[in-house]
Amino acid sequence: MTDKSYNNWVSMSDKALAEQIGVYVKHHRLEQNRSQEILAQAAGISRSTLSLLERGETVTLATLIKVLRVLDHLHIMEAFVIPKTISPLALAKMEKEKRQRAGGKKGNESGINDW
């Protein structure tokens, strides 16, 4: 499984997706030259829980987040950011309300109040 590149996430089973996450975690743990014991301790989880995660078994989302934080890989959370968009109707309304020309002062041009 580690030697394949998966581009079609939709066609993968839940188990296969969990295994891919486990492969990701294990790869980056080994890349940082950390043992399961050291990483688990830093994340505040047991070594057996980390082992479950790396094997693609069921763990909590909180566990995954803790491990990603310790691995300094929370940047993958960018995939879950919802970009702010504006509807075409709202954009058209804003354009319509946009000021079309400068007003300038009417009446007293000097800016001094006449009492």
PDB file of N, CA and C in Angstrom:
ATOM      1  N   MET A   1       0.812  -1.195   0.000  1.00  0.00           N
ATOM      2  CA  MET A   1       0.000   0.000   0.000  1.00  0.00           C
ATOM      3  C   MET A   1       0.856   1.260   0.000  1.00  0.00           C
ATOM      4  N   THR A   2       2.040   1.201   0.612  1.00  0.00           N
ATOM      5  CA  THR A   2       2.862   2.398   0.717  1.00  0.00           C
ATOM      6  C   THR A   2       3.500   2.799  -0.593  1.00  0.00           C
ATOM      7  N   ASP A   3       3.593   1.874  -1.548  1.00  0.00           N
ATOM      8  CA  ASP A   3       4.257   2.210  -2.797  1.00  0.00           C
ATOM      9  C   ASP A   3       3.288   2.709  -3.865  1.00  0.00           C
ATOM     10  N   LYS A   4       2.011   2.783  -3.544  1.00  0.00           N
ATOM     11  CA  LYS A   4       1.031   3.243  -4.524  1.00  0.00           C
ATOM     12  C   LYS A   4       0.661   4.689  -4.247  1.00  0.00           C
ATOM     13  N   SER A   5       0.323   5.390  -5.296  1.00  0.00           N
ATOM     14  CA  SER A   5      -0.152   6.760  -5.157  1.00  0.00           C
ATOM     15  C   SER A   5      -1.653   6.759  -5.396  1.00  0.00           C
ATOM     16  N   TYR A   6      -2.391   7.238  -4.427  1.00  0.00           N
ATOM     17  CA  TYR A   6      -3.843   7.260  -4.544  1.00  0.00           C
ATOM     18  C   TYR A   6      -4.313   8.653  -4.919  1.00  0.00           C
ATOM     19  N   ASN A   7      -4.893   8.770  -6.090  1.00  0.00           N
ATOM     20  CA  ASN A   7      -5.424  10.045  -6.537  1.00  0.00           C
ATOM     21  C   ASN A   7      -6.941  10.077  -6.443  1.00  0.00           C
ATOM     22  N   ASN A   8      -7.552   8.912  -6.318  1.00  0.00           N
ATOM     23  CA  ASN A   8      -9.004   8.857  -6.273  1.00  0.00           C
ATOM     24  C   ASN A   8      -9.458   8.442  -4.879  1.00  0.00           C
ATOM     25  N   TRP A   9      -9.490   9.399  -3.969  1.00  0.00           N
ATOM     26  CA  TRP A   9      -9.848   9.128  -2.580  1.00  0.00           C
ATOM     27  C   TRP A   9     -11.260   8.592  -2.462  1.00  0.00           C
ATOM     28  N   VAL A  10     -12.149   9.003  -3.341  1.00  0.00           N
ATOM     29  CA  VAL A  10     -13.552   8.599  -3.262  1.00  0.00           C
ATOM     30  C   VAL A  10     -13.720   7.096  -3.434  1.00  0.00           C
ATOM     31  N   SER A  11     -12.906   6.490  -4.263  1.00  0.00           N
ATOM     32  CA  SER A  11     -13.052   5.063  -4.535  1.00  0.00           C
ATOM     33  C   SER A  11     -12.445   4.186  -3.438  1.00  0.00           C
ATOM     34  N   MET A  12     -11.714   4.793  -2.508  1.00  0.00           N
ATOM     35  CA  MET A  12     -11.084   4.020  -1.438  1.00  0.00           C
ATOM     36  C   MET A  12     -12.081   3.735  -0.323  1.00  0.00           C
ATOM     37  N   SER A  13     -11.939   2.578   0.306  1.00  0.00           N
ATOM     38  CA  SER A  13     -12.786   2.236   1.450  1.00  0.00           C
ATOM     39  C   SER A  13     -12.338   3.050   2.666  1.00  0.00           C
ATOM     40  N   ASP A  14     -13.196   3.088   3.669  1.00  0.00           N
ATOM     41  CA  ASP A  14     -12.849   3.795   4.896  1.00  0.00           C
ATOM     42  C   ASP A  14     -11.600   3.186   5.524  1.00  0.00           C
ATOM     43  N   LYS A  15     -11.507   1.878   5.499  1.00  0.00           N
ATOM     44  CA  LYS A  15     -10.351   1.177   6.056  1.00  0.00           C
ATOM     45  C   LYS A  15      -9.078   1.574   5.309  1.00  0.00           C
ATOM     46  N   ALA A  16      -9.149   1.631   3.977  1.00  0.00           N
ATOM     47  CA  ALA A  16      -7.987   2.014   3.174  1.00  0.00           C
ATOM     48  C   ALA A  16      -7.579   3.458   3.455  1.00  0.00           C
ATOM     49  N   LEU A  17      -8.545   4.336   3.653  1.00  0.00           N
ATOM     50  CA  LEU A  17      -8.237   5.727   3.979  1.00  0.00           C
ATOM     51  C   LEU A  17      -7.555   5.819   5.344  1.00  0.00           C
ATOM     52  N   ALA A  18      -8.071   5.069   6.314  1.00  0.00           N
ATOM     53  CA  ALA A  18      -7.469   5.066   7.649  1.00  0.00           C
ATOM     54  C   ALA A  18      -6.043   4.525   7.592  1.00  0.00           C
ATOM     55  N   GLU A  19      -5.830   3.500   6.770  1.00  0.00           N
ATOM     56  CA  GLU A  19      -4.480   2.949   6.610  1.00  0.00           C
ATOM     57  C   GLU A  19      -3.548   3.970   5.975  1.00  0.00           C
ATOM     58  N   GLN A  20      -4.050   4.733   5.027  1.00  0.00           N
ATOM     59  CA  GLN A  20      -3.226   5.763   4.385  1.00  0.00           C
ATOM     60  C   GLN A  20      -2.834   6.843   5.383  1.00  0.00           C
ATOM     61  N   ILE A  21      -3.755   7.206   6.268  1.00  0.00           N
ATOM     62  CA  ILE A  21      -3.435   8.175   7.324  1.00  0.00           C
ATOM     63  C   ILE A  21      -2.355   7.598   8.234  1.00  0.00           C
ATOM     64  N   GLY A  22      -2.489   6.312   8.567  1.00  0.00           N
ATOM     65  CA  GLY A  22      -1.486   5.649   9.395  1.00  0.00           C
ATOM     66  C   GLY A  22      -0.117   5.641   8.742  1.00  0.00           C
ATOM     67  N   VAL A  23      -0.084   5.381   7.450  1.00  0.00           N
ATOM     68  CA  VAL A  23       1.175   5.393   6.698  1.00  0.00           C
ATOM     69  C   VAL A  23       1.789   6.800   6.743  1.00  0.00           C
ATOM     70  N   TYR A  24       0.956   7.807   6.605  1.00  0.00           N
ATOM     71  CA  TYR A  24       1.409   9.202   6.656  1.00  0.00           C
ATOM     72  C   TYR A  24       2.059   9.498   8.006  1.00  0.00           C
ATOM     73  N   VAL A  25       1.356   9.142   9.086  1.00  0.00           N
ATOM     74  CA  VAL A  25       1.863   9.404  10.428  1.00  0.00           C
ATOM     75  C   VAL A  25       3.178   8.664  10.656  1.00  0.00           C
ATOM     76  N   LYS A  26       3.217   7.382  10.307  1.00  0.00           N
ATOM     77  CA  LYS A  26       4.418   6.585  10.523  1.00  0.00           C
ATOM     78  C   LYS A  26       5.596   7.131   9.715  1.00  0.00           C
ATOM     79  N   HIS A  27       5.343   7.492   8.471  1.00  0.00           N
ATOM     80  CA  HIS A  27       6.395   8.037   7.608  1.00  0.00           C
ATOM     81  C   HIS A  27       7.030   9.274   8.252  1.00  0.00           C
ATOM     82  N   HIS A  28       6.182  10.195   8.704  1.00  0.00           N
ATOM     83  CA  HIS A  28       6.714  11.443   9.258  1.00  0.00           C
ATOM     84  C   HIS A  28       7.332  11.229  10.637  1.00  0.00           C
ATOM     85  N   ARG A  29       6.846  10.266  11.386  1.00  0.00           N
ATOM     86  CA  ARG A  29       7.482   9.935  12.666  1.00  0.00           C
ATOM     87  C   ARG A  29       8.899   9.413  12.428  1.00  0.00           C
ATOM     88  N   LEU A  30       9.035   8.481  11.491  1.00  0.00           N
ATOM     89  CA  LEU A  30      10.347   7.920  11.183  1.00  0.00           C
ATOM     90  C   LEU A  30      11.265   8.959  10.553  1.00  0.00           C
ATOM     91  N   GLU A  31      10.699   9.828   9.735  1.00  0.00           N
ATOM     92  CA  GLU A  31      11.483  10.896   9.112  1.00  0.00           C
ATOM     93  C   GLU A  31      12.091  11.814  10.175  1.00  0.00           C
ATOM     94  N   GLN A  32      11.368  11.990  11.278  1.00  0.00           N
ATOM     95  CA  GLN A  32      11.864  12.815  12.385  1.00  0.00           C
ATOM     96  C   GLN A  32      12.674  11.995  13.391  1.00  0.00           C
ATOM     97  N   ASN A  33      12.906  10.717  13.055  1.00  0.00           N
ATOM     98  CA  ASN A  33      13.706   9.816  13.880  1.00  0.00           C
ATOM     99  C   ASN A  33      13.181   9.715  15.310  1.00  0.00           C
ATOM    100  N   ARG A  34      11.856   9.547  15.430  1.00  0.00           N
ATOM    101  CA  ARG A  34      11.223   9.416  16.738  1.00  0.00           C
ATOM    102  C   ARG A  34      10.670   8.007  16.897  1.00  0.00           C
ATOM    103  N   SER A  35      10.804   7.476  18.075  1.00  0.00           N
ATOM    104  CA  SER A  35      10.212   6.167  18.354  1.00  0.00           C
ATOM    105  C   SER A  35       8.725   6.370  18.663  1.00  0.00           C
ATOM    106  N   GLN A  36       7.981   5.281  18.594  1.00  0.00           N
ATOM    107  CA  GLN A  36       6.562   5.359  18.958  1.00  0.00           C
ATOM    108  C   GLN A  36       6.410   5.840  20.392  1.00  0.00           C
ATOM    109  N   GLU A  37       7.261   5.343  21.266  1.00  0.00           N
ATOM    110  CA  GLU A  37       7.186   5.705  22.690  1.00  0.00           C
ATOM    111  C   GLU A  37       7.382   7.198  22.890  1.00  0.00           C
ATOM    112  N   ILE A  38       8.387   7.771  22.235  1.00  0.00           N
ATOM    113  CA  ILE A  38       8.694   9.207  22.378  1.00  0.00           C
ATOM    114  C   ILE A  38       7.556  10.052  21.818  1.00  0.00           C
ATOM    115  N   LEU A  39       7.080   9.708  20.632  1.00  0.00           N
ATOM    116  CA  LEU A  39       6.005  10.484  20.010  1.00  0.00           C
ATOM    117  C   LEU A  39       4.726  10.385  20.827  1.00  0.00           C
ATOM    118  N   ALA A  40       4.396   9.181  21.278  1.00  0.00           N
ATOM    119  CA  ALA A  40       3.180   8.985  22.065  1.00  0.00           C
ATOM    120  C   ALA A  40       3.242   9.792  23.355  1.00  0.00           C
ATOM    121  N   GLN A  41       4.379   9.775  24.008  1.00  0.00           N
ATOM    122  CA  GLN A  41       4.544  10.519  25.255  1.00  0.00           C
ATOM    123  C   GLN A  41       4.382  12.020  25.002  1.00  0.00           C
ATOM    124  N   ALA A  42       4.976  12.521  23.933  1.00  0.00           N
ATOM    125  CA  ALA A  42       4.868  13.948  23.603  1.00  0.00           C
ATOM    126  C   ALA A  42       3.430  14.342  23.264  1.00  0.00           C
ATOM    127  N   ALA A  43       2.675  13.408  22.681  1.00  0.00           N
ATOM    128  CA  ALA A  43       1.292  13.683  22.297  1.00  0.00           C
ATOM    129  C   ALA A  43       0.314  13.436  23.442  1.00  0.00           C
ATOM    130  N   GLY A  44       0.799  12.825  24.513  1.00  0.00           N
ATOM    131  CA  GLY A  44      -0.076  12.555  25.644  1.00  0.00           C
ATOM    132  C   GLY A  44      -1.001  11.373  25.418  1.00  0.00           C
ATOM    133  N   ILE A  45      -0.540  10.403  24.621  1.00  0.00           N
ATOM    134  CA  ILE A  45      -1.320   9.195  24.354  1.00  0.00           C
ATOM    135  C   ILE A  45      -0.442   7.984  24.657  1.00  0.00           C
ATOM    136  N   SER A  46      -1.050   6.814  24.673  1.00  0.00           N
ATOM    137  CA  SER A  46      -0.257   5.609  24.913  1.00  0.00           C
ATOM    138  C   SER A  46       0.418   5.157  23.620  1.00  0.00           C
ATOM    139  N   ARG A  47       1.491   4.391  23.783  1.00  0.00           N
ATOM    140  CA  ARG A  47       2.192   3.868  22.612  1.00  0.00           C
ATOM    141  C   ARG A  47       1.281   2.937  21.826  1.00  0.00           C
ATOM    142  N   SER A  48       0.440   2.177  22.511  1.00  0.00           N
ATOM    143  CA  SER A  48      -0.467   1.260  21.801  1.00  0.00           C
ATOM    144  C   SER A  48      -1.500   2.026  20.975  1.00  0.00           C
ATOM    145  N   THR A  49      -1.923   3.189  21.457  1.00  0.00           N
ATOM    146  CA  THR A  49      -2.868   4.011  20.677  1.00  0.00           C
ATOM    147  C   THR A  49      -2.189   4.531  19.419  1.00  0.00           C
ATOM    148  N   LEU A  50      -0.946   4.950  19.536  1.00  0.00           N
ATOM    149  CA  LEU A  50      -0.193   5.402  18.358  1.00  0.00           C
ATOM    150  C   LEU A  50      -0.012   4.249  17.379  1.00  0.00           C
ATOM    151  N   SER A  51       0.267   3.071  17.905  1.00  0.00           N
ATOM    152  CA  SER A  51       0.411   1.888  17.059  1.00  0.00           C
ATOM    153  C   SER A  51      -0.888   1.601  16.298  1.00  0.00           C
ATOM    154  N   LEU A  52      -2.018   1.743  16.991  1.00  0.00           N
ATOM    155  CA  LEU A  52      -3.321   1.555  16.327  1.00  0.00           C
ATOM    156  C   LEU A  52      -3.490   2.557  15.190  1.00  0.00           C
ATOM    157  N   LEU A  53      -3.151   3.807  15.457  1.00  0.00           N
ATOM    158  CA  LEU A  53      -3.259   4.851  14.438  1.00  0.00           C
ATOM    159  C   LEU A  53      -2.405   4.527  13.228  1.00  0.00           C
ATOM    160  N   GLU A  54      -1.177   4.118  13.455  1.00  0.00           N
ATOM    161  CA  GLU A  54      -0.260   3.819  12.354  1.00  0.00           C
ATOM    162  C   GLU A  54      -0.695   2.589  11.561  1.00  0.00           C
ATOM    163  N   ARG A  55      -1.449   1.706  12.172  1.00  0.00           N
ATOM    164  CA  ARG A  55      -1.946   0.517  11.467  1.00  0.00           C
ATOM    165  C   ARG A  55      -3.290   0.764  10.782  1.00  0.00           C
ATOM    166  N   GLY A  56      -3.841   1.958  10.957  1.00  0.00           N
ATOM    167  CA  GLY A  56      -5.107   2.281  10.314  1.00  0.00           C
ATOM    168  C   GLY A  56      -6.312   1.802  11.092  1.00  0.00           C
ATOM    169  N   GLU A  57      -6.121   1.527  12.369  1.00  0.00           N
ATOM    170  CA  GLU A  57      -7.231   1.105  13.220  1.00  0.00           C
ATOM    171  C   GLU A  57      -7.982   2.338  13.721  1.00  0.00           C
ATOM    172  N   THR A  58      -9.093   2.104  14.375  1.00  0.00           N
ATOM    173  CA  THR A  58      -9.939   3.184  14.848  1.00  0.00           C
ATOM    174  C   THR A  58      -9.327   3.895  16.049  1.00  0.00           C
ATOM    175  N   VAL A  59      -9.144   5.191  15.915  1.00  0.00           N
ATOM    176  CA  VAL A  59      -8.724   6.065  17.012  1.00  0.00           C
ATOM    177  C   VAL A  59      -9.594   7.316  16.939  1.00  0.00           C
ATOM    178  N   THR A  60      -9.544   8.125  17.972  1.00  0.00           N
ATOM    179  CA  THR A  60     -10.369   9.330  17.963  1.00  0.00           C
ATOM    180  C   THR A  60      -9.725  10.425  17.119  1.00  0.00           C
ATOM    181  N   LEU A  61     -10.547  11.341  16.713  1.00  0.00           N
ATOM    182  CA  LEU A  61     -10.058  12.494  15.960  1.00  0.00           C
ATOM    183  C   LEU A  61      -9.111  13.316  16.832  1.00  0.00           C
ATOM    184  N   ALA A  62      -9.422  13.411  18.119  1.00  0.00           N
ATOM    185  CA  ALA A  62      -8.556  14.155  19.045  1.00  0.00           C
ATOM    186  C   ALA A  62      -7.155  13.544  19.077  1.00  0.00           C
ATOM    187  N   THR A  63      -7.078  12.226  19.020  1.00  0.00           N
ATOM    188  CA  THR A  63      -5.778  11.553  19.010  1.00  0.00           C
ATOM    189  C   THR A  63      -4.994  11.927  17.759  1.00  0.00           C
ATOM    190  N   LEU A  64      -5.653  11.891  16.618  1.00  0.00           N
ATOM    191  CA  LEU A  64      -4.985  12.259  15.369  1.00  0.00           C
ATOM    192  C   LEU A  64      -4.472  13.691  15.429  1.00  0.00           C
ATOM    193  N   ILE A  65      -5.273  14.597  15.950  1.00  0.00           N
ATOM    194  CA  ILE A  65      -4.871  16.005  16.044  1.00  0.00           C
ATOM    195  C   ILE A  65      -3.663  16.165  16.963  1.00  0.00           C
ATOM    196  N   LYS A  66      -3.663  15.461  18.093  1.00  0.00           N
ATOM    197  CA  LYS A  66      -2.516  15.526  19.013  1.00  0.00           C
ATOM    198  C   LYS A  66      -1.239  15.061  18.327  1.00  0.00           C
ATOM    199  N   VAL A  67      -1.338  13.962  17.591  1.00  0.00           N
ATOM    200  CA  VAL A  67      -0.157  13.416  16.916  1.00  0.00           C
ATOM    201  C   VAL A  67       0.317  14.362  15.819  1.00  0.00           C
ATOM    202  N   LEU A  68      -0.607  14.900  15.033  1.00  0.00           N
ATOM    203  CA  LEU A  68      -0.228  15.846  13.982  1.00  0.00           C
ATOM    204  C   LEU A  68       0.425  17.090  14.571  1.00  0.00           C
ATOM    205  N   ARG A  69      -0.058  17.528  15.724  1.00  0.00           N
ATOM    206  CA  ARG A  69       0.527  18.701  16.379  1.00  0.00           C
ATOM    207  C   ARG A  69       1.974  18.429  16.767  1.00  0.00           C
ATOM    208  N   VAL A  70       2.215  17.284  17.381  1.00  0.00           N
ATOM    209  CA  VAL A  70       3.576  16.941  17.807  1.00  0.00           C
ATOM    210  C   VAL A  70       4.498  16.759  16.603  1.00  0.00           C
ATOM    211  N   LEU A  71       3.967  16.213  15.518  1.00  0.00           N
ATOM    212  CA  LEU A  71       4.759  16.030  14.297  1.00  0.00           C
ATOM    213  C   LEU A  71       4.942  17.350  13.536  1.00  0.00           C
ATOM    214  N   ASP A  72       4.277  18.409  14.000  1.00  0.00           N
ATOM    215  CA  ASP A  72       4.293  19.710  13.335  1.00  0.00           C
ATOM    216  C   ASP A  72       3.709  19.599  11.924  1.00  0.00           C
ATOM    217  N   HIS A  73       2.570  18.902  11.833  1.00  0.00           N
ATOM    218  CA  HIS A  73       1.900  18.729  10.552  1.00  0.00           C
ATOM    219  C   HIS A  73       0.438  19.185  10.590  1.00  0.00           C
ATOM    220  N   LEU A  74       0.147  20.149  11.433  1.00  0.00           N
ATOM    221  CA  LEU A  74      -1.216  20.675  11.473  1.00  0.00           C
ATOM    222  C   LEU A  74      -1.564  21.472  10.216  1.00  0.00           C
ATOM    223  N   HIS A  75      -0.562  21.736   9.380  1.00  0.00           N
ATOM    224  CA  HIS A  75      -0.822  22.471   8.136  1.00  0.00           C
ATOM    225  C   HIS A  75      -1.807  21.722   7.236  1.00  0.00           C
ATOM    226  N   ILE A  76      -1.951  20.423   7.422  1.00  0.00           N
ATOM    227  CA  ILE A  76      -2.911  19.694   6.577  1.00  0.00           C
ATOM    228  C   ILE A  76      -4.346  20.068   6.915  1.00  0.00           C
ATOM    229  N   MET A  77      -4.549  20.792   8.004  1.00  0.00           N
ATOM    230  CA  MET A  77      -5.883  21.272   8.359  1.00  0.00           C
ATOM    231  C   MET A  77      -6.369  22.321   7.358  1.00  0.00           C
ATOM    232  N   GLU A  78      -5.464  22.848   6.549  1.00  0.00           N
ATOM    233  CA  GLU A  78      -5.845  23.815   5.514  1.00  0.00           C
ATOM    234  C   GLU A  78      -6.897  23.226   4.571  1.00  0.00           C
ATOM    235  N   ALA A  79      -6.887  21.916   4.425  1.00  0.00           N
ATOM    236  CA  ALA A  79      -7.862  21.268   3.544  1.00  0.00           C
ATOM    237  C   ALA A  79      -9.284  21.457   4.054  1.00  0.00           C
ATOM    238  N   PHE A  80      -9.435  21.792   5.331  1.00  0.00           N
ATOM    239  CA  PHE A  80     -10.754  21.936   5.920  1.00  0.00           C
ATOM    240  C   PHE A  80     -11.212  23.387   6.043  1.00  0.00           C
ATOM    241  N   VAL A  81     -10.397  24.320   5.588  1.00  0.00           N
ATOM    242  CA  VAL A  81     -10.760  25.730   5.641  1.00  0.00           C
ATOM    243  C   VAL A  81     -11.769  26.027   4.537  1.00  0.00           C
ATOM    244  N   ILE A  82     -12.840  26.683   4.920  1.00  0.00           N
ATOM    245  CA  ILE A  82     -13.868  27.067   3.950  1.00  0.00           C
ATOM    246  C   ILE A  82     -13.590  28.506   3.526  1.00  0.00           C
ATOM    247  N   PRO A  83     -13.267  28.701   2.242  1.00  0.00           N
ATOM    248  CA  PRO A  83     -12.960  30.062   1.781  1.00  0.00           C
ATOM    249  C   PRO A  83     -14.210  30.935   1.786  1.00  0.00           C
ATOM    250  N   LYS A  84     -14.015  32.184   2.150  1.00  0.00           N
ATOM    251  CA  LYS A  84     -15.130  33.117   2.140  1.00  0.00           C
ATOM    252  C   LYS A  84     -15.409  33.504   0.684  1.00  0.00           C
ATOM    253  N   THR A  85     -16.624  33.324   0.297  1.00  0.00           N
ATOM    254  CA  THR A  85     -17.020  33.694  -1.060  1.00  0.00           C
ATOM    255  C   THR A  85     -18.209  34.636  -0.988  1.00  0.00           C
ATOM    256  N   ILE A  86     -18.405  35.346  -2.051  1.00  0.00           N
ATOM    257  CA  ILE A  86     -19.530  36.255  -2.121  1.00  0.00           C
ATOM    258  C   ILE A  86     -20.380  35.854  -3.327  1.00  0.00           C
ATOM    259  N   SER A  87     -21.668  35.862  -3.125  1.00  0.00           N
ATOM    260  CA  SER A  87     -22.553  35.456  -4.209  1.00  0.00           C
ATOM    261  C   SER A  87     -22.552  36.513  -5.308  1.00  0.00           C
ATOM    262  N   PRO A  88     -22.829  36.120  -6.537  1.00  0.00           N
ATOM    263  CA  PRO A  88     -22.885  37.096  -7.632  1.00  0.00           C
ATOM    264  C   PRO A  88     -23.916  38.200  -7.386  1.00  0.00           C
ATOM    265  N   LEU A  89     -25.032  37.862  -6.758  1.00  0.00           N
ATOM    266  CA  LEU A  89     -26.050  38.875  -6.475  1.00  0.00           C
ATOM    267  C   LEU A  89     -25.552  39.895  -5.458  1.00  0.00           C
ATOM    268  N   ALA A  90     -24.884  39.421  -4.414  1.00  0.00           N
ATOM    269  CA  ALA A  90     -24.350  40.337  -3.408  1.00  0.00           C
ATOM    270  C   ALA A  90     -23.265  41.221  -4.018  1.00  0.00           C
ATOM    271  N   LEU A  91     -22.451  40.650  -4.887  1.00  0.00           N
ATOM    272  CA  LEU A  91     -21.410  41.421  -5.553  1.00  0.00           C
ATOM    273  C   LEU A  91     -22.024  42.509  -6.434  1.00  0.00           C
ATOM    274  N   ALA A  92     -23.049  42.162  -7.172  1.00  0.00           N
ATOM    275  CA  ALA A  92     -23.726  43.142  -8.027  1.00  0.00           C
ATOM    276  C   ALA A  92     -24.335  44.256  -7.183  1.00  0.00           C
ATOM    277  N   LYS A  93     -24.915  43.913  -6.039  1.00  0.00           N
ATOM    278  CA  LYS A  93     -25.506  44.916  -5.163  1.00  0.00           C
ATOM    279  C   LYS A  93     -24.437  45.855  -4.617  1.00  0.00           C
ATOM    280  N   MET A  94     -23.279  45.298  -4.236  1.00  0.00           N
ATOM    281  CA  MET A  94     -22.189  46.122  -3.736  1.00  0.00           C
ATOM    282  C   MET A  94     -21.674  47.063  -4.823  1.00  0.00           C
ATOM    283  N   GLU A  95     -21.566  46.552  -6.048  1.00  0.00           N
ATOM    284  CA  GLU A  95     -21.098  47.387  -7.164  1.00  0.00           C
ATOM    285  C   GLU A  95     -22.081  48.520  -7.439  1.00  0.00           C
ATOM    286  N   LYS A  96     -23.360  48.233  -7.312  1.00  0.00           N
ATOM    287  CA  LYS A  96     -24.389  49.239  -7.566  1.00  0.00           C
ATOM    288  C   LYS A  96     -24.334  50.344  -6.513  1.00  0.00           C
ATOM    289  N   GLU A  97     -24.044  49.946  -5.262  1.00  0.00           N
ATOM    290  CA  GLU A  97     -24.004  50.914  -4.171  1.00  0.00           C
ATOM    291  C   GLU A  97     -22.675  51.650  -4.081  1.00  0.00           C
ATOM    292  N   LYS A  98     -21.688  51.217  -4.865  1.00  0.00           N
ATOM    293  CA  LYS A  98     -20.372  51.850  -4.832  1.00  0.00           C
ATOM    294  C   LYS A  98     -20.472  53.286  -5.340  1.00  0.00           C
ATOM    295  N   ARG A  99     -19.746  54.141  -4.699  1.00  0.00           N
ATOM    296  CA  ARG A  99     -19.731  55.559  -5.066  1.00  0.00           C
ATOM    297  C   ARG A  99     -19.209  55.713  -6.491  1.00  0.00           C
ATOM    298  N   GLN A 100     -19.887  56.507  -7.299  1.00  0.00           N
ATOM    299  CA  GLN A 100     -19.525  56.669  -8.696  1.00  0.00           C
ATOM    300  C   GLN A 100     -18.657  57.905  -8.952  1.00  0.00           C
ATOM    301  N   ARG A 101     -18.798  58.946  -8.122  1.00  0.00           N
ATOM    302  CA  ARG A 101     -17.982  60.144  -8.291  1.00  0.00           C
ATOM    303  C   ARG A 101     -17.800  60.862  -6.971  1.00  0.00           C
ATOM    304  N   ALA A 102     -16.787  61.714  -6.938  1.00  0.00           N
ATOM    305  CA  ALA A 102     -16.504  62.482  -5.722  1.00  0.00           C
ATOM    306  C   ALA A 102     -17.532  63.577  -5.574  1.00  0.00           C
ATOM    307  N   GLY A 103     -17.886  63.845  -4.348  1.00  0.00           N
ATOM    308  CA  GLY A 103     -18.957  64.811  -4.090  1.00  0.00           C
ATOM    309  C   GLY A 103     -18.473  66.233  -3.963  1.00  0.00           C
ATOM    310  N   GLY A 104     -17.372  66.475  -3.312  1.00  0.00           N
ATOM    311  CA  GLY A 104     -16.942  67.849  -3.074  1.00  0.00           C
ATOM    312  C   GLY A 104     -17.914  68.536  -2.127  1.00  0.00           C
ATOM    313  N   LYS A 105     -17.490  69.679  -1.549  1.00  0.00           N
ATOM    314  CA  LYS A 105     -18.357  70.382  -0.609  1.00  0.00           C
ATOM    315  C   LYS A 105     -19.246  71.359  -1.360  1.00  0.00           C
ATOM    316  N   LYS A 106     -20.461  71.411  -0.923  1.00  0.00           N
ATOM    317  CA  LYS A 106     -21.399  72.363  -1.510  1.00  0.00           C
ATOM    318  C   LYS A 106     -21.514  73.560  -0.587  1.00  0.00           C
ATOM    319  N   GLY A 107     -21.639  74.708  -1.127  1.00  0.00           N
ATOM    320  CA  GLY A 107     -21.804  75.898  -0.317  1.00  0.00           C
ATOM    321  C   GLY A 107     -20.474  76.487   0.054  1.00  0.00           C
ATOM    322  N   ASN A 108     -20.152  76.500   1.318  1.00  0.00           N
ATOM    323  CA  ASN A 108     -18.945  77.115   1.845  1.00  0.00           C
ATOM    324  C   ASN A 108     -17.729  76.281   1.492  1.00  0.00           C
ATOM    325  N   GLU A 109     -16.933  76.728   0.552  1.00  0.00           N
ATOM    326  CA  GLU A 109     -15.763  76.007   0.074  1.00  0.00           C
ATOM    327  C   GLU A 109     -14.574  76.145   1.023  1.00  0.00           C
ATOM    328  N   SER A 110     -14.546  77.148   1.874  1.00  0.00           N
ATOM    329  CA  SER A 110     -13.385  77.387   2.717  1.00  0.00           C
ATOM    330  C   SER A 110     -13.308  76.420   3.880  1.00  0.00           C
ATOM    331  N   GLY A 111     -14.407  75.807   4.219  1.00  0.00           N
ATOM    332  CA  GLY A 111     -14.422  74.872   5.330  1.00  0.00           C
ATOM    333  C   GLY A 111     -14.575  75.564   6.659  1.00  0.00           C
ATOM    334  N   ILE A 112     -14.716  76.916   6.666  1.00  0.00           N
ATOM    335  CA  ILE A 112     -14.888  77.681   7.907  1.00  0.00           C
ATOM    336  C   ILE A 112     -16.372  77.913   8.092  1.00  0.00           C
ATOM    337  N   ASN A 113     -16.814  77.627   9.289  1.00  0.00           N
ATOM    338  CA  ASN A 113     -18.237  77.800   9.570  1.00  0.00           C
ATOM    339  C   ASN A 113     -18.589  79.291   9.670  1.00  0.00           C
ATOM    340  N   ASP A 114     -19.649  79.660   9.014  1.00  0.00           N
ATOM    341  CA  ASP A 114     -20.154  81.026   9.131  1.00  0.00           C
ATOM    342  C   ASP A 114     -21.230  81.020  10.193  1.00  0.00           C
ATOM    343  N   TRP A 115     -21.018  81.825  11.220  1.00  0.00           N
ATOM    344  CA  TRP A 115     -21.992  81.851  12.300  1.00  0.00           C
ATOM    345  C   TRP A 115     -22.950  82.909  12.061  1.00  0.00           C
TER     346      TRP A 115
END
